[in-house]
Amino acid sequence: MVLLLALALVQAVRRGLVVRAIRAVDQRGNLFAPRGARLYAALSPRITRGIHGRVVADVVELLGSDATATVVDVGAGPGDLVRGLAARLPAAHVVGVEPSDAMRAIAAERGNAVVAGSAEALPFPGASVDLVVSTLSAHHWPDPAAALRELARILRPGGA
């Protein structure tokens, strides 16, 4: 029985059903923002610790710990990844972008650099960013194609 449930979940993930379900629930009920922002901010460090740790390690490996790069986290939420990147890249300019007022307020309370914006409208000049990261937010993007064009717009030549 457990094996059948696991296989069904794997198939659902492959078909994107889980992402669509999370998106639908969040968009209809504002599960994470603004109503659930404090709950998400309280739970997210435990939930995202592994993936954020891996992203930080990958970015440090890619850029080097003494990099003076501009790094942007799109969909930063309460700024946990921003804080992790800034701690390991002290010479870099690390900033998060978050559309939710509630999430940005929590990020500010925690001392994280998170500014207003969305994946489809990033508040940076063209070719001004060295590296863009985004974890667990693409399912919130209303227009993923526009978001990818916007990411490409802000990246410097040779950026990642």
N, C-alpha and C. Protein backbone atom coordinates (compact mmCIF):
# COMPACT_ATOMS: atom_id res chain seq x y z
N MET A 1 0.82 -1.20 0.00
CA MET A 1 0.00 0.00 0.00
C MET A 1 0.86 1.26 0.00
N VAL A 2 1.88 1.31 0.85
CA VAL A 2 2.76 2.47 0.92
C VAL A 2 3.49 2.65 -0.41
N LEU A 3 3.90 1.54 -1.01
CA LEU A 3 4.59 1.61 -2.30
C LEU A 3 3.67 2.19 -3.37
N LEU A 4 2.41 1.81 -3.36
CA LEU A 4 1.46 2.34 -4.33
C LEU A 4 1.26 3.85 -4.15
N LEU A 5 1.16 4.28 -2.90
CA LEU A 5 1.02 5.71 -2.63
C LEU A 5 2.26 6.48 -3.07
N ALA A 6 3.44 5.91 -2.83
CA ALA A 6 4.68 6.55 -3.24
C ALA A 6 4.75 6.65 -4.76
N LEU A 7 4.37 5.58 -5.45
CA LEU A 7 4.37 5.60 -6.91
C LEU A 7 3.38 6.63 -7.45
N ALA A 8 2.22 6.73 -6.82
CA ALA A 8 1.22 7.71 -7.25
C ALA A 8 1.75 9.13 -7.05
N LEU A 9 2.44 9.37 -5.93
CA LEU A 9 3.01 10.70 -5.68
C LEU A 9 4.08 11.03 -6.71
N VAL A 10 4.94 10.06 -7.02
CA VAL A 10 5.99 10.28 -8.03
C VAL A 10 5.36 10.63 -9.38
N GLN A 11 4.33 9.90 -9.75
CA GLN A 11 3.65 10.18 -11.01
C GLN A 11 3.00 11.56 -11.00
N ALA A 12 2.41 11.94 -9.88
CA ALA A 12 1.78 13.25 -9.76
C ALA A 12 2.82 14.35 -9.90
N VAL A 13 3.98 14.17 -9.27
CA VAL A 13 5.05 15.15 -9.37
C VAL A 13 5.51 15.27 -10.81
N ARG A 14 5.69 14.13 -11.47
CA ARG A 14 6.12 14.15 -12.87
C ARG A 14 5.14 14.91 -13.75
N ARG A 15 3.88 14.81 -13.45
CA ARG A 15 2.87 15.50 -14.25
C ARG A 15 2.68 16.94 -13.79
N GLY A 16 3.38 17.35 -12.75
CA GLY A 16 3.26 18.72 -12.27
C GLY A 16 2.02 18.98 -11.44
N LEU A 17 1.33 17.92 -11.06
CA LEU A 17 0.09 18.10 -10.31
C LEU A 17 0.33 18.70 -8.94
N VAL A 18 1.40 18.32 -8.30
CA VAL A 18 1.68 18.83 -6.96
C VAL A 18 1.93 20.33 -7.02
N VAL A 19 2.75 20.76 -7.98
CA VAL A 19 3.04 22.19 -8.11
C VAL A 19 1.76 22.96 -8.43
N ARG A 20 0.95 22.44 -9.34
CA ARG A 20 -0.30 23.12 -9.68
C ARG A 20 -1.24 23.16 -8.48
N ALA A 21 -1.28 22.10 -7.69
CA ALA A 21 -2.15 22.08 -6.51
C ALA A 21 -1.69 23.11 -5.49
N ILE A 22 -0.38 23.18 -5.23
CA ILE A 22 0.15 24.17 -4.29
C ILE A 22 -0.16 25.58 -4.79
N ARG A 23 0.06 25.81 -6.08
CA ARG A 23 -0.23 27.13 -6.65
C ARG A 23 -1.70 27.49 -6.49
N ALA A 24 -2.57 26.55 -6.79
CA ALA A 24 -4.01 26.82 -6.72
C ALA A 24 -4.44 27.12 -5.29
N VAL A 25 -3.96 26.32 -4.34
CA VAL A 25 -4.32 26.54 -2.94
C VAL A 25 -3.82 27.90 -2.47
N ASP A 26 -2.57 28.24 -2.81
CA ASP A 26 -2.00 29.50 -2.37
C ASP A 26 -2.70 30.69 -3.02
N GLN A 27 -2.98 30.58 -4.31
CA GLN A 27 -3.61 31.71 -5.00
C GLN A 27 -5.05 31.92 -4.53
N ARG A 28 -5.76 30.86 -4.22
CA ARG A 28 -7.15 31.01 -3.78
C ARG A 28 -7.26 31.42 -2.32
N GLY A 29 -6.37 30.90 -1.49
CA GLY A 29 -6.52 31.14 -0.07
C GLY A 29 -5.44 31.98 0.56
N ASN A 30 -4.51 32.49 -0.26
CA ASN A 30 -3.38 33.26 0.28
C ASN A 30 -2.73 32.52 1.43
N LEU A 31 -2.46 31.23 1.20
CA LEU A 31 -1.92 30.37 2.23
C LEU A 31 -0.62 30.92 2.82
N PHE A 32 0.27 31.41 1.94
CA PHE A 32 1.57 31.86 2.42
C PHE A 32 1.66 33.37 2.60
N ALA A 33 0.95 34.11 1.79
CA ALA A 33 1.03 35.56 1.91
C ALA A 33 -0.27 36.16 1.43
N PRO A 34 -0.78 37.15 2.10
CA PRO A 34 -0.22 37.73 3.31
C PRO A 34 -0.67 37.01 4.58
N ARG A 35 -1.81 36.32 4.52
CA ARG A 35 -2.38 35.76 5.74
C ARG A 35 -1.44 34.78 6.45
N GLY A 36 -0.80 33.92 5.71
CA GLY A 36 0.04 32.90 6.34
C GLY A 36 1.51 33.24 6.39
N ALA A 37 1.86 34.50 6.17
CA ALA A 37 3.27 34.88 6.10
C ALA A 37 4.02 34.55 7.38
N ARG A 38 3.45 34.86 8.52
CA ARG A 38 4.14 34.58 9.80
C ARG A 38 4.32 33.08 10.03
N LEU A 39 3.29 32.31 9.69
CA LEU A 39 3.40 30.85 9.83
C LEU A 39 4.48 30.31 8.90
N TYR A 40 4.45 30.75 7.64
CA TYR A 40 5.47 30.31 6.69
C TYR A 40 6.87 30.70 7.18
N ALA A 41 7.02 31.93 7.63
CA ALA A 41 8.33 32.41 8.10
C ALA A 41 8.81 31.60 9.30
N ALA A 42 7.88 31.15 10.15
CA ALA A 42 8.27 30.35 11.31
C ALA A 42 8.68 28.94 10.89
N LEU A 43 8.01 28.38 9.90
CA LEU A 43 8.28 27.00 9.48
C LEU A 43 9.37 26.89 8.43
N SER A 44 9.53 27.92 7.61
CA SER A 44 10.42 27.81 6.46
C SER A 44 11.87 27.47 6.79
N PRO A 45 12.46 27.98 7.86
CA PRO A 45 13.86 27.61 8.11
C PRO A 45 14.04 26.09 8.28
N ARG A 46 13.08 25.44 8.89
CA ARG A 46 13.16 23.98 9.05
C ARG A 46 12.93 23.27 7.73
N ILE A 47 12.00 23.78 6.95
CA ILE A 47 11.62 23.13 5.69
C ILE A 47 12.69 23.34 4.63
N THR A 48 13.27 24.52 4.58
CA THR A 48 14.19 24.87 3.49
C THR A 48 15.67 24.75 3.84
N ARG A 49 15.98 24.37 5.06
CA ARG A 49 17.38 24.32 5.50
C ARG A 49 18.26 23.54 4.53
N GLY A 50 17.81 22.37 4.12
CA GLY A 50 18.62 21.53 3.23
C GLY A 50 18.84 22.15 1.87
N ILE A 51 17.77 22.58 1.24
CA ILE A 51 17.91 23.15 -0.10
C ILE A 51 18.67 24.47 -0.07
N HIS A 52 18.40 25.30 0.92
CA HIS A 52 19.12 26.57 1.01
C HIS A 52 20.60 26.34 1.30
N GLY A 53 20.91 25.37 2.15
CA GLY A 53 22.31 25.05 2.42
C GLY A 53 23.04 24.62 1.16
N ARG A 54 22.36 23.82 0.35
CA ARG A 54 22.96 23.38 -0.91
C ARG A 54 23.15 24.54 -1.88
N VAL A 55 22.16 25.42 -1.97
CA VAL A 55 22.27 26.58 -2.87
C VAL A 55 23.43 27.47 -2.42
N VAL A 56 23.53 27.74 -1.13
CA VAL A 56 24.62 28.57 -0.63
C VAL A 56 25.97 27.93 -0.97
N ALA A 57 26.10 26.64 -0.72
CA ALA A 57 27.36 25.95 -1.03
C ALA A 57 27.67 26.02 -2.52
N ASP A 58 26.67 25.83 -3.37
CA ASP A 58 26.89 25.90 -4.82
C ASP A 58 27.30 27.30 -5.26
N VAL A 59 26.66 28.32 -4.70
CA VAL A 59 26.98 29.70 -5.08
C VAL A 59 28.40 30.04 -4.63
N VAL A 60 28.77 29.67 -3.41
CA VAL A 60 30.13 29.93 -2.92
C VAL A 60 31.15 29.20 -3.79
N GLU A 61 30.84 27.97 -4.18
CA GLU A 61 31.75 27.23 -5.05
C GLU A 61 31.88 27.91 -6.42
N LEU A 62 30.78 28.40 -6.94
CA LEU A 62 30.78 29.06 -8.24
C LEU A 62 31.50 30.40 -8.22
N LEU A 63 31.21 31.23 -7.23
CA LEU A 63 31.74 32.59 -7.19
C LEU A 63 33.02 32.74 -6.37
N GLY A 64 33.20 31.90 -5.37
CA GLY A 64 34.29 32.07 -4.42
C GLY A 64 33.81 32.92 -3.25
N SER A 65 34.30 32.65 -2.07
CA SER A 65 33.79 33.32 -0.87
C SER A 65 34.16 34.80 -0.80
N ASP A 66 35.14 35.24 -1.60
CA ASP A 66 35.53 36.66 -1.57
C ASP A 66 34.95 37.44 -2.75
N ALA A 67 33.94 36.89 -3.40
CA ALA A 67 33.34 37.52 -4.57
C ALA A 67 32.70 38.86 -4.21
N THR A 68 32.81 39.80 -5.14
CA THR A 68 32.15 41.10 -4.99
C THR A 68 30.93 41.18 -5.92
N ALA A 69 30.37 40.06 -6.24
CA ALA A 69 29.26 39.95 -7.17
C ALA A 69 27.96 40.52 -6.60
N THR A 70 27.03 40.81 -7.50
CA THR A 70 25.66 41.13 -7.13
C THR A 70 24.84 39.87 -7.32
N VAL A 71 24.23 39.39 -6.23
CA VAL A 71 23.45 38.16 -6.24
C VAL A 71 22.02 38.51 -5.85
N VAL A 72 21.05 38.03 -6.63
CA VAL A 72 19.64 38.31 -6.39
C VAL A 72 18.89 37.01 -6.16
N ASP A 73 18.10 36.98 -5.08
CA ASP A 73 17.21 35.86 -4.79
C ASP A 73 15.80 36.28 -5.16
N VAL A 74 15.23 35.66 -6.18
CA VAL A 74 13.89 36.01 -6.65
C VAL A 74 12.87 35.16 -5.89
N GLY A 75 11.90 35.83 -5.27
CA GLY A 75 10.92 35.13 -4.44
C GLY A 75 11.52 34.82 -3.09
N ALA A 76 12.11 35.82 -2.48
CA ALA A 76 12.92 35.64 -1.27
C ALA A 76 12.12 35.33 -0.01
N GLY A 77 10.82 35.54 -0.02
CA GLY A 77 10.03 35.29 1.19
C GLY A 77 10.59 36.09 2.35
N PRO A 78 10.77 35.44 3.50
CA PRO A 78 11.28 36.15 4.67
C PRO A 78 12.79 36.37 4.67
N GLY A 79 13.47 35.97 3.59
CA GLY A 79 14.88 36.29 3.44
C GLY A 79 15.87 35.29 4.02
N ASP A 80 15.44 34.07 4.27
CA ASP A 80 16.35 33.08 4.85
C ASP A 80 17.56 32.81 3.94
N LEU A 81 17.31 32.63 2.64
CA LEU A 81 18.41 32.37 1.71
C LEU A 81 19.29 33.60 1.56
N VAL A 82 18.69 34.77 1.54
CA VAL A 82 19.47 36.03 1.46
C VAL A 82 20.45 36.09 2.63
N ARG A 83 19.96 35.79 3.82
CA ARG A 83 20.81 35.82 5.01
C ARG A 83 21.95 34.81 4.89
N GLY A 84 21.64 33.59 4.44
CA GLY A 84 22.67 32.56 4.28
C GLY A 84 23.73 32.93 3.26
N LEU A 85 23.29 33.49 2.14
CA LEU A 85 24.24 33.91 1.11
C LEU A 85 25.11 35.07 1.60
N ALA A 86 24.49 36.05 2.24
CA ALA A 86 25.24 37.21 2.73
C ALA A 86 26.28 36.81 3.77
N ALA A 87 25.96 35.83 4.59
CA ALA A 87 26.91 35.37 5.61
C ALA A 87 28.14 34.72 4.99
N ARG A 88 27.94 33.99 3.89
CA ARG A 88 29.05 33.27 3.25
C ARG A 88 29.74 34.08 2.16
N LEU A 89 29.11 35.18 1.73
CA LEU A 89 29.68 36.05 0.69
C LEU A 89 29.74 37.49 1.21
N PRO A 90 30.59 37.75 2.20
CA PRO A 90 30.57 39.07 2.86
C PRO A 90 30.90 40.25 1.95
N ALA A 91 31.64 40.03 0.87
CA ALA A 91 32.00 41.12 -0.03
C ALA A 91 30.97 41.32 -1.15
N ALA A 92 30.03 40.41 -1.25
CA ALA A 92 29.01 40.48 -2.31
C ALA A 92 27.85 41.37 -1.90
N HIS A 93 27.11 41.83 -2.88
CA HIS A 93 25.85 42.55 -2.65
C HIS A 93 24.74 41.53 -2.88
N VAL A 94 24.11 41.08 -1.80
CA VAL A 94 23.06 40.06 -1.87
C VAL A 94 21.74 40.72 -1.52
N VAL A 95 20.76 40.58 -2.41
CA VAL A 95 19.46 41.20 -2.18
C VAL A 95 18.37 40.24 -2.65
N GLY A 96 17.29 40.22 -1.90
CA GLY A 96 16.14 39.43 -2.27
C GLY A 96 15.07 40.31 -2.89
N VAL A 97 14.24 39.69 -3.72
CA VAL A 97 13.09 40.37 -4.32
C VAL A 97 11.86 39.57 -3.93
N GLU A 98 10.84 40.28 -3.42
CA GLU A 98 9.63 39.61 -2.92
C GLU A 98 8.42 40.50 -3.19
N PRO A 99 7.36 39.93 -3.81
CA PRO A 99 6.18 40.75 -4.06
C PRO A 99 5.28 40.98 -2.85
N SER A 100 5.36 40.12 -1.85
CA SER A 100 4.45 40.20 -0.70
C SER A 100 4.92 41.23 0.33
N ASP A 101 4.05 42.19 0.61
CA ASP A 101 4.36 43.19 1.64
C ASP A 101 4.61 42.51 2.99
N ALA A 102 3.80 41.51 3.31
CA ALA A 102 3.93 40.82 4.60
C ALA A 102 5.28 40.11 4.71
N MET A 103 5.69 39.45 3.66
CA MET A 103 6.98 38.74 3.69
C MET A 103 8.14 39.74 3.78
N ARG A 104 8.04 40.84 3.04
CA ARG A 104 9.10 41.85 3.11
C ARG A 104 9.19 42.45 4.51
N ALA A 105 8.07 42.64 5.16
CA ALA A 105 8.08 43.19 6.53
C ALA A 105 8.80 42.23 7.47
N ILE A 106 8.53 40.94 7.32
CA ILE A 106 9.21 39.95 8.17
C ILE A 106 10.70 39.94 7.86
N ALA A 107 11.04 40.00 6.57
CA ALA A 107 12.45 40.03 6.18
C ALA A 107 13.15 41.24 6.81
N ALA A 108 12.50 42.39 6.78
CA ALA A 108 13.08 43.60 7.36
C ALA A 108 13.27 43.45 8.86
N GLU A 109 12.29 42.86 9.55
CA GLU A 109 12.41 42.62 10.99
C GLU A 109 13.63 41.76 11.30
N ARG A 110 13.95 40.85 10.39
CA ARG A 110 15.07 39.93 10.58
C ARG A 110 16.39 40.50 10.07
N GLY A 111 16.35 41.72 9.54
CA GLY A 111 17.56 42.36 9.05
C GLY A 111 18.01 41.88 7.68
N ASN A 112 17.10 41.32 6.89
CA ASN A 112 17.44 40.83 5.57
C ASN A 112 17.14 41.88 4.50
N ALA A 113 18.00 41.97 3.51
CA ALA A 113 17.84 42.94 2.42
C ALA A 113 16.90 42.36 1.37
N VAL A 114 15.62 42.70 1.46
CA VAL A 114 14.62 42.22 0.52
C VAL A 114 13.81 43.43 0.05
N VAL A 115 13.73 43.58 -1.27
CA VAL A 115 13.04 44.73 -1.87
C VAL A 115 11.78 44.27 -2.59
N ALA A 116 10.91 45.24 -2.88
CA ALA A 116 9.67 44.96 -3.59
C ALA A 116 9.94 44.66 -5.06
N GLY A 117 9.20 43.72 -5.59
CA GLY A 117 9.31 43.37 -6.99
C GLY A 117 8.76 41.98 -7.21
N SER A 118 8.67 41.61 -8.47
CA SER A 118 8.21 40.26 -8.81
C SER A 118 9.14 39.69 -9.86
N ALA A 119 9.01 38.41 -10.11
CA ALA A 119 9.86 37.76 -11.11
C ALA A 119 9.65 38.37 -12.49
N GLU A 120 8.46 38.88 -12.74
CA GLU A 120 8.15 39.47 -14.04
C GLU A 120 8.52 40.95 -14.13
N ALA A 121 8.85 41.57 -13.01
CA ALA A 121 9.21 43.00 -12.97
C ALA A 121 10.26 43.22 -11.89
N LEU A 122 11.50 42.90 -12.22
CA LEU A 122 12.59 43.00 -11.25
C LEU A 122 13.13 44.43 -11.21
N PRO A 123 13.39 44.94 -10.00
CA PRO A 123 13.80 46.35 -9.85
C PRO A 123 15.30 46.58 -10.03
N PHE A 124 15.84 46.08 -11.15
CA PHE A 124 17.26 46.23 -11.42
C PHE A 124 17.45 46.67 -12.87
N PRO A 125 18.48 47.48 -13.12
CA PRO A 125 18.77 47.84 -14.51
C PRO A 125 19.20 46.61 -15.30
N GLY A 126 19.09 46.70 -16.60
CA GLY A 126 19.54 45.62 -17.46
C GLY A 126 21.03 45.34 -17.27
N ALA A 127 21.40 44.08 -17.38
CA ALA A 127 22.79 43.64 -17.32
C ALA A 127 23.52 44.14 -16.07
N SER A 128 22.83 44.09 -14.91
CA SER A 128 23.44 44.62 -13.67
C SER A 128 23.66 43.57 -12.59
N VAL A 129 23.28 42.33 -12.85
CA VAL A 129 23.32 41.29 -11.83
C VAL A 129 24.23 40.15 -12.30
N ASP A 130 25.06 39.64 -11.38
CA ASP A 130 25.98 38.56 -11.72
C ASP A 130 25.35 37.18 -11.60
N LEU A 131 24.46 37.02 -10.62
CA LEU A 131 23.88 35.70 -10.38
C LEU A 131 22.47 35.84 -9.83
N VAL A 132 21.56 35.05 -10.36
CA VAL A 132 20.19 35.00 -9.87
C VAL A 132 19.92 33.61 -9.34
N VAL A 133 19.33 33.54 -8.15
CA VAL A 133 18.88 32.27 -7.58
C VAL A 133 17.40 32.39 -7.27
N SER A 134 16.74 31.26 -7.25
CA SER A 134 15.33 31.23 -6.88
C SER A 134 15.01 29.81 -6.44
N THR A 135 14.49 29.69 -5.25
CA THR A 135 14.10 28.37 -4.75
C THR A 135 12.65 28.43 -4.29
N LEU A 136 11.89 27.47 -4.67
CA LEU A 136 10.52 27.30 -4.17
C LEU A 136 9.61 28.48 -4.44
N SER A 137 9.86 29.23 -5.51
CA SER A 137 8.95 30.34 -5.80
C SER A 137 8.37 30.31 -7.21
N ALA A 138 8.96 29.56 -8.11
CA ALA A 138 8.50 29.59 -9.50
C ALA A 138 7.04 29.19 -9.65
N HIS A 139 6.54 28.37 -8.74
CA HIS A 139 5.12 27.98 -8.83
C HIS A 139 4.19 29.14 -8.48
N HIS A 140 4.73 30.23 -7.95
CA HIS A 140 3.93 31.43 -7.67
C HIS A 140 3.93 32.42 -8.84
N TRP A 141 4.81 32.23 -9.81
CA TRP A 141 4.95 33.18 -10.90
C TRP A 141 3.76 33.07 -11.83
N PRO A 142 2.99 34.15 -11.99
CA PRO A 142 1.82 34.09 -12.88
C PRO A 142 2.19 33.87 -14.34
N ASP A 143 3.35 34.37 -14.77
CA ASP A 143 3.77 34.24 -16.17
C ASP A 143 5.24 33.81 -16.20
N PRO A 144 5.49 32.49 -16.11
CA PRO A 144 6.88 32.00 -16.07
C PRO A 144 7.73 32.43 -17.27
N ALA A 145 7.14 32.49 -18.46
CA ALA A 145 7.91 32.90 -19.64
C ALA A 145 8.38 34.35 -19.50
N ALA A 146 7.50 35.23 -19.03
CA ALA A 146 7.89 36.63 -18.80
C ALA A 146 8.96 36.72 -17.72
N ALA A 147 8.83 35.90 -16.69
CA ALA A 147 9.82 35.90 -15.61
C ALA A 147 11.20 35.50 -16.14
N LEU A 148 11.26 34.48 -16.97
CA LEU A 148 12.55 34.06 -17.52
C LEU A 148 13.16 35.14 -18.41
N ARG A 149 12.33 35.83 -19.17
CA ARG A 149 12.84 36.95 -19.98
C ARG A 149 13.40 38.05 -19.07
N GLU A 150 12.72 38.30 -17.96
CA GLU A 150 13.16 39.33 -17.02
C GLU A 150 14.48 38.93 -16.35
N LEU A 151 14.62 37.67 -15.99
CA LEU A 151 15.88 37.19 -15.41
C LEU A 151 17.01 37.39 -16.41
N ALA A 152 16.77 37.05 -17.66
CA ALA A 152 17.80 37.22 -18.69
C ALA A 152 18.15 38.71 -18.87
N ARG A 153 17.15 39.58 -18.76
CA ARG A 153 17.37 41.01 -18.93
C ARG A 153 18.34 41.57 -17.89
N ILE A 154 18.20 41.15 -16.63
CA ILE A 154 19.02 41.75 -15.57
C ILE A 154 20.41 41.14 -15.46
N LEU A 155 20.62 39.96 -16.05
CA LEU A 155 21.93 39.31 -15.94
C LEU A 155 22.98 40.00 -16.81
N ARG A 156 24.16 40.17 -16.24
CA ARG A 156 25.30 40.68 -17.00
C ARG A 156 25.72 39.60 -18.00
N PRO A 157 26.39 39.99 -19.08
CA PRO A 157 26.97 38.98 -19.97
C PRO A 157 27.88 38.05 -19.18
N GLY A 158 27.67 36.78 -19.34
CA GLY A 158 28.45 35.80 -18.58
C GLY A 158 27.87 35.49 -17.21
N GLY A 159 26.78 36.15 -16.83
CA GLY A 159 26.13 35.90 -15.55
C GLY A 159 25.40 34.57 -15.56
N ALA A 160 25.00 34.16 -14.39
CA ALA A 160 24.32 32.86 -14.28
C ALA A 160 23.02 32.99 -13.50
